[in-house]
């Protein structure tokens, strides 16, 4: 909350399965003794549940890069550049309401 950052641990694994992350989160909780407030994660299955098991008060959000990548899977290759230009102002808004308003204006 005060803007200070601490390195609590360094972890390595051959894969990023939820079980691995559960052990990392457990270790983080033991070393920090504090709750995490926000987790910005990718779409790894089981990861949100693992986080909530250790940090029940946490707010989880999907990383913006992963949101964009997921959205772009449904766009044909020839349209990707135009769609990305339309998405940028929406993803740069500070809240859902503003994002929706930008979307509505673009859809005209």
N, C-alpha and C. Protein backbone atom coordinates (compact mmCIF):
# COMPACT_ATOMS: atom_id res chain seq x y z
N UNK A 1 0.83 -1.20 0.00
CA UNK A 1 0.00 0.00 0.00
C UNK A 1 0.87 1.26 0.00
N UNK A 2 2.04 1.18 0.60
CA UNK A 2 2.92 2.32 0.66
C UNK A 2 3.85 2.45 -0.53
N UNK A 3 3.72 1.58 -1.51
CA UNK A 3 4.54 1.65 -2.70
C UNK A 3 5.86 0.92 -2.60
N UNK A 4 6.09 0.22 -1.52
CA UNK A 4 7.33 -0.52 -1.33
C UNK A 4 7.20 -1.92 -1.89
N UNK A 5 8.26 -2.44 -2.48
CA UNK A 5 8.25 -3.79 -3.03
C UNK A 5 9.28 -4.62 -2.30
N UNK A 6 8.93 -5.86 -2.00
CA UNK A 6 9.85 -6.80 -1.35
C UNK A 6 9.88 -8.08 -2.16
N UNK A 7 11.07 -8.64 -2.33
CA UNK A 7 11.20 -9.95 -2.94
C UNK A 7 11.06 -10.97 -1.82
N UNK A 8 10.02 -11.77 -1.89
CA UNK A 8 9.75 -12.73 -0.83
C UNK A 8 10.25 -14.12 -1.20
N UNK A 9 10.28 -14.42 -2.48
CA UNK A 9 10.73 -15.74 -2.90
C UNK A 9 11.04 -15.78 -4.37
N UNK A 10 11.78 -16.79 -4.75
CA UNK A 10 12.12 -17.04 -6.14
C UNK A 10 11.87 -18.52 -6.39
N UNK A 11 11.03 -18.84 -7.36
CA UNK A 11 10.58 -20.21 -7.57
C UNK A 11 10.80 -20.64 -9.00
N UNK A 12 11.09 -21.91 -9.17
CA UNK A 12 11.32 -22.46 -10.50
C UNK A 12 10.62 -23.81 -10.61
N UNK A 13 10.08 -24.07 -11.79
CA UNK A 13 9.40 -25.34 -12.03
C UNK A 13 9.46 -25.66 -13.51
N UNK A 14 9.34 -26.93 -13.83
CA UNK A 14 9.32 -27.33 -15.24
C UNK A 14 7.97 -27.05 -15.88
N UNK A 15 6.94 -26.82 -15.06
CA UNK A 15 5.62 -26.51 -15.60
C UNK A 15 4.93 -25.50 -14.69
N UNK A 16 3.81 -25.00 -15.15
CA UNK A 16 3.07 -24.01 -14.38
C UNK A 16 1.69 -24.55 -13.99
N UNK A 17 1.67 -25.73 -13.49
CA UNK A 17 0.39 -26.31 -13.07
C UNK A 17 -0.09 -25.67 -11.78
N UNK A 18 -1.39 -25.73 -11.56
CA UNK A 18 -2.00 -25.12 -10.38
C UNK A 18 -1.40 -25.67 -9.09
N UNK A 19 -1.04 -26.94 -9.08
CA UNK A 19 -0.45 -27.55 -7.88
C UNK A 19 0.86 -26.86 -7.51
N UNK A 20 1.69 -26.56 -8.51
CA UNK A 20 2.94 -25.83 -8.27
C UNK A 20 2.64 -24.47 -7.67
N UNK A 21 1.68 -23.75 -8.27
CA UNK A 21 1.36 -22.41 -7.80
C UNK A 21 0.76 -22.44 -6.40
N UNK A 22 0.02 -23.47 -6.07
CA UNK A 22 -0.52 -23.60 -4.72
C UNK A 22 0.62 -23.68 -3.71
N UNK A 23 1.68 -24.43 -4.03
CA UNK A 23 2.82 -24.51 -3.11
C UNK A 23 3.54 -23.17 -3.02
N UNK A 24 3.66 -22.44 -4.13
CA UNK A 24 4.28 -21.11 -4.10
C UNK A 24 3.47 -20.16 -3.24
N UNK A 25 2.16 -20.15 -3.44
CA UNK A 25 1.29 -19.26 -2.68
C UNK A 25 1.31 -19.57 -1.19
N UNK A 26 1.34 -20.86 -0.86
CA UNK A 26 1.43 -21.27 0.54
C UNK A 26 2.72 -20.74 1.15
N UNK A 27 3.82 -20.88 0.42
CA UNK A 27 5.11 -20.39 0.90
C UNK A 27 5.09 -18.87 1.05
N UNK A 28 4.51 -18.16 0.10
CA UNK A 28 4.42 -16.70 0.20
C UNK A 28 3.64 -16.28 1.43
N UNK A 29 2.55 -16.95 1.69
CA UNK A 29 1.73 -16.64 2.86
C UNK A 29 2.51 -16.87 4.15
N UNK A 30 3.25 -17.98 4.20
CA UNK A 30 4.03 -18.28 5.39
C UNK A 30 5.14 -17.26 5.62
N UNK A 31 5.78 -16.81 4.55
CA UNK A 31 6.90 -15.86 4.69
C UNK A 31 6.44 -14.42 4.92
N UNK A 32 5.33 -14.06 4.29
CA UNK A 32 4.89 -12.67 4.42
C UNK A 32 3.97 -12.47 5.62
N UNK A 33 3.16 -13.47 5.90
CA UNK A 33 2.20 -13.36 6.99
C UNK A 33 1.07 -12.38 6.70
N UNK A 34 1.02 -11.88 5.48
CA UNK A 34 0.00 -10.90 5.12
C UNK A 34 -0.87 -11.42 3.98
N UNK A 35 -2.03 -10.78 3.83
CA UNK A 35 -2.91 -11.12 2.72
C UNK A 35 -2.50 -10.34 1.48
N UNK A 36 -2.70 -10.93 0.33
CA UNK A 36 -2.56 -10.21 -0.93
C UNK A 36 -3.89 -9.55 -1.23
N UNK A 37 -3.86 -8.39 -1.82
CA UNK A 37 -5.09 -7.66 -2.13
C UNK A 37 -5.58 -7.91 -3.54
N UNK A 38 -4.64 -7.97 -4.50
CA UNK A 38 -4.99 -8.13 -5.91
C UNK A 38 -4.02 -9.11 -6.55
N UNK A 39 -4.55 -9.98 -7.41
CA UNK A 39 -3.71 -10.87 -8.21
C UNK A 39 -4.09 -10.67 -9.67
N UNK A 40 -3.11 -10.35 -10.47
CA UNK A 40 -3.31 -10.20 -11.91
C UNK A 40 -2.68 -11.44 -12.54
N UNK A 41 -3.52 -12.31 -13.11
CA UNK A 41 -3.06 -13.63 -13.52
C UNK A 41 -3.38 -13.92 -14.98
N UNK A 42 -2.78 -15.00 -15.48
CA UNK A 42 -3.13 -15.47 -16.82
C UNK A 42 -4.31 -16.43 -16.69
N UNK A 43 -4.63 -17.14 -17.73
CA UNK A 43 -5.81 -18.00 -17.72
C UNK A 43 -5.56 -19.44 -17.27
N UNK A 44 -4.52 -19.70 -16.51
CA UNK A 44 -4.21 -21.05 -16.07
C UNK A 44 -5.37 -21.65 -15.29
N UNK A 45 -5.84 -22.80 -15.74
CA UNK A 45 -6.95 -23.47 -15.07
C UNK A 45 -6.56 -23.85 -13.64
N UNK A 46 -7.44 -23.58 -12.71
CA UNK A 46 -7.22 -23.94 -11.32
C UNK A 46 -6.45 -22.89 -10.53
N UNK A 47 -5.84 -21.92 -11.22
CA UNK A 47 -5.03 -20.91 -10.53
C UNK A 47 -5.88 -19.99 -9.65
N UNK A 48 -7.02 -19.47 -10.14
CA UNK A 48 -7.84 -18.62 -9.26
C UNK A 48 -8.27 -19.35 -7.99
N UNK A 49 -8.64 -20.61 -8.11
CA UNK A 49 -9.06 -21.38 -6.94
C UNK A 49 -7.88 -21.58 -5.97
N UNK A 50 -6.69 -21.82 -6.52
CA UNK A 50 -5.50 -21.99 -5.68
C UNK A 50 -5.21 -20.70 -4.91
N UNK A 51 -5.30 -19.57 -5.59
CA UNK A 51 -5.05 -18.28 -4.94
C UNK A 51 -6.07 -18.03 -3.84
N UNK A 52 -7.35 -18.25 -4.16
CA UNK A 52 -8.41 -17.98 -3.18
C UNK A 52 -8.35 -18.91 -1.98
N UNK A 53 -7.77 -20.10 -2.17
CA UNK A 53 -7.60 -21.02 -1.05
C UNK A 53 -6.65 -20.44 -0.01
N UNK A 54 -5.58 -19.82 -0.47
CA UNK A 54 -4.56 -19.27 0.43
C UNK A 54 -4.88 -17.84 0.85
N UNK A 55 -5.43 -17.06 -0.07
CA UNK A 55 -5.74 -15.65 0.19
C UNK A 55 -7.23 -15.41 -0.10
N UNK A 56 -8.11 -15.77 0.84
CA UNK A 56 -9.55 -15.73 0.58
C UNK A 56 -10.13 -14.33 0.31
N UNK A 57 -9.46 -13.27 0.70
CA UNK A 57 -9.99 -11.91 0.50
C UNK A 57 -9.51 -11.26 -0.79
N UNK A 58 -8.75 -11.97 -1.57
CA UNK A 58 -8.10 -11.39 -2.75
C UNK A 58 -9.09 -11.09 -3.87
N UNK A 59 -8.78 -10.07 -4.65
CA UNK A 59 -9.52 -9.75 -5.88
C UNK A 59 -8.65 -10.24 -7.03
N UNK A 60 -9.23 -11.03 -7.91
CA UNK A 60 -8.48 -11.61 -9.02
C UNK A 60 -8.94 -10.97 -10.32
N UNK A 61 -7.97 -10.60 -11.15
CA UNK A 61 -8.30 -10.08 -12.47
C UNK A 61 -7.38 -10.73 -13.49
N UNK A 62 -7.89 -10.85 -14.70
CA UNK A 62 -7.11 -11.43 -15.78
C UNK A 62 -6.19 -10.36 -16.36
N UNK A 63 -4.95 -10.71 -16.54
CA UNK A 63 -3.93 -9.82 -17.11
C UNK A 63 -4.43 -9.27 -18.45
N UNK A 64 -4.24 -7.97 -18.66
CA UNK A 64 -4.72 -7.32 -19.87
C UNK A 64 -4.13 -7.94 -21.13
N UNK A 65 -2.86 -8.32 -21.08
CA UNK A 65 -2.23 -8.95 -22.24
C UNK A 65 -2.94 -10.25 -22.58
N UNK A 66 -3.29 -11.03 -21.57
CA UNK A 66 -4.00 -12.28 -21.81
C UNK A 66 -5.43 -12.03 -22.28
N UNK A 67 -6.06 -10.97 -21.79
CA UNK A 67 -7.40 -10.64 -22.27
C UNK A 67 -7.36 -10.32 -23.76
N UNK A 68 -6.39 -9.54 -24.17
CA UNK A 68 -6.27 -9.17 -25.58
C UNK A 68 -5.97 -10.39 -26.43
N UNK A 69 -5.03 -11.22 -25.98
CA UNK A 69 -4.70 -12.44 -26.74
C UNK A 69 -5.93 -13.33 -26.90
N UNK A 70 -6.70 -13.47 -25.83
CA UNK A 70 -7.89 -14.30 -25.89
C UNK A 70 -8.89 -13.70 -26.88
N UNK A 71 -9.08 -12.39 -26.83
CA UNK A 71 -10.00 -11.73 -27.76
C UNK A 71 -9.57 -11.92 -29.21
N UNK A 72 -8.28 -11.83 -29.46
CA UNK A 72 -7.77 -11.88 -30.82
C UNK A 72 -7.84 -13.28 -31.44
N UNK A 73 -8.05 -14.30 -30.65
CA UNK A 73 -8.20 -15.66 -31.19
C UNK A 73 -9.41 -15.78 -32.11
N UNK A 74 -10.38 -14.91 -31.92
CA UNK A 74 -11.63 -14.98 -32.67
C UNK A 74 -11.66 -14.03 -33.86
N UNK A 75 -10.52 -13.42 -34.17
CA UNK A 75 -10.45 -12.45 -35.26
C UNK A 75 -9.63 -13.03 -36.40
N UNK A 76 -10.12 -12.86 -37.62
CA UNK A 76 -9.37 -13.35 -38.77
C UNK A 76 -8.07 -12.55 -38.90
N UNK A 77 -7.08 -13.19 -39.48
CA UNK A 77 -5.75 -12.58 -39.60
C UNK A 77 -5.79 -11.22 -40.31
N UNK A 78 -6.58 -11.12 -41.35
CA UNK A 78 -6.63 -9.87 -42.13
C UNK A 78 -7.27 -8.72 -41.35
N UNK A 79 -8.07 -9.02 -40.32
CA UNK A 79 -8.76 -7.98 -39.55
C UNK A 79 -8.06 -7.63 -38.23
N UNK A 80 -7.01 -8.35 -37.88
CA UNK A 80 -6.39 -8.17 -36.56
C UNK A 80 -5.88 -6.75 -36.31
N UNK A 81 -5.24 -6.13 -37.28
CA UNK A 81 -4.69 -4.79 -37.09
C UNK A 81 -5.79 -3.78 -36.76
N UNK A 82 -6.88 -3.82 -37.51
CA UNK A 82 -7.99 -2.89 -37.30
C UNK A 82 -8.65 -3.14 -35.93
N UNK A 83 -8.86 -4.39 -35.61
CA UNK A 83 -9.50 -4.74 -34.33
C UNK A 83 -8.61 -4.29 -33.17
N UNK A 84 -7.31 -4.49 -33.27
CA UNK A 84 -6.39 -4.07 -32.21
C UNK A 84 -6.48 -2.56 -31.99
N UNK A 85 -6.55 -1.80 -33.06
CA UNK A 85 -6.67 -0.34 -32.94
C UNK A 85 -7.97 0.04 -32.24
N UNK A 86 -9.04 -0.71 -32.49
CA UNK A 86 -10.32 -0.44 -31.84
C UNK A 86 -10.31 -0.87 -30.37
N UNK A 87 -9.58 -1.93 -30.05
CA UNK A 87 -9.54 -2.42 -28.68
C UNK A 87 -8.71 -1.55 -27.74
N UNK A 88 -7.64 -0.98 -28.25
CA UNK A 88 -6.71 -0.22 -27.40
C UNK A 88 -7.40 0.82 -26.53
N UNK A 89 -8.23 1.72 -27.08
CA UNK A 89 -8.85 2.72 -26.21
C UNK A 89 -9.80 2.11 -25.17
N UNK A 90 -10.39 0.98 -25.49
CA UNK A 90 -11.29 0.32 -24.53
C UNK A 90 -10.49 -0.24 -23.36
N UNK A 91 -9.40 -0.96 -23.67
CA UNK A 91 -8.59 -1.56 -22.61
C UNK A 91 -7.83 -0.54 -21.78
N UNK A 92 -7.66 0.67 -22.30
CA UNK A 92 -6.93 1.70 -21.56
C UNK A 92 -7.82 2.47 -20.58
N UNK A 93 -9.12 2.24 -20.60
CA UNK A 93 -10.00 2.94 -19.67
C UNK A 93 -9.79 2.44 -18.25
N UNK A 94 -10.20 3.24 -17.29
CA UNK A 94 -9.93 2.92 -15.88
C UNK A 94 -11.00 2.06 -15.22
N UNK A 95 -12.15 1.92 -15.85
CA UNK A 95 -13.18 1.07 -15.25
C UNK A 95 -14.13 0.54 -16.34
N UNK A 96 -14.98 -0.36 -15.94
CA UNK A 96 -15.89 -1.03 -16.87
C UNK A 96 -16.84 -0.05 -17.55
N UNK A 97 -17.37 0.90 -16.79
CA UNK A 97 -18.33 1.84 -17.34
C UNK A 97 -17.69 2.68 -18.46
N UNK A 98 -16.48 3.16 -18.23
CA UNK A 98 -15.79 3.96 -19.24
C UNK A 98 -15.46 3.10 -20.46
N UNK A 99 -15.05 1.87 -20.23
CA UNK A 99 -14.76 0.96 -21.33
C UNK A 99 -15.99 0.71 -22.18
N UNK A 100 -17.12 0.52 -21.52
CA UNK A 100 -18.37 0.30 -22.25
C UNK A 100 -18.75 1.54 -23.05
N UNK A 101 -18.54 2.72 -22.48
CA UNK A 101 -18.87 3.96 -23.18
C UNK A 101 -18.01 4.12 -24.44
N UNK A 102 -16.72 3.82 -24.34
CA UNK A 102 -15.84 3.89 -25.51
C UNK A 102 -16.30 2.87 -26.56
N UNK A 103 -16.65 1.69 -26.10
CA UNK A 103 -17.14 0.64 -27.00
C UNK A 103 -18.41 1.11 -27.74
N UNK A 104 -19.35 1.70 -26.99
CA UNK A 104 -20.60 2.18 -27.60
C UNK A 104 -20.32 3.24 -28.66
N UNK A 105 -19.40 4.17 -28.37
CA UNK A 105 -19.07 5.21 -29.35
C UNK A 105 -18.44 4.61 -30.60
N UNK A 106 -17.59 3.61 -30.43
CA UNK A 106 -16.95 2.99 -31.58
C UNK A 106 -17.95 2.23 -32.44
N UNK A 107 -18.95 1.64 -31.80
CA UNK A 107 -19.94 0.86 -32.52
C UNK A 107 -21.00 1.76 -33.17
N UNK A 108 -20.98 3.04 -32.77
CA UNK A 108 -21.77 4.09 -33.37
C UNK A 108 -23.22 3.94 -33.36
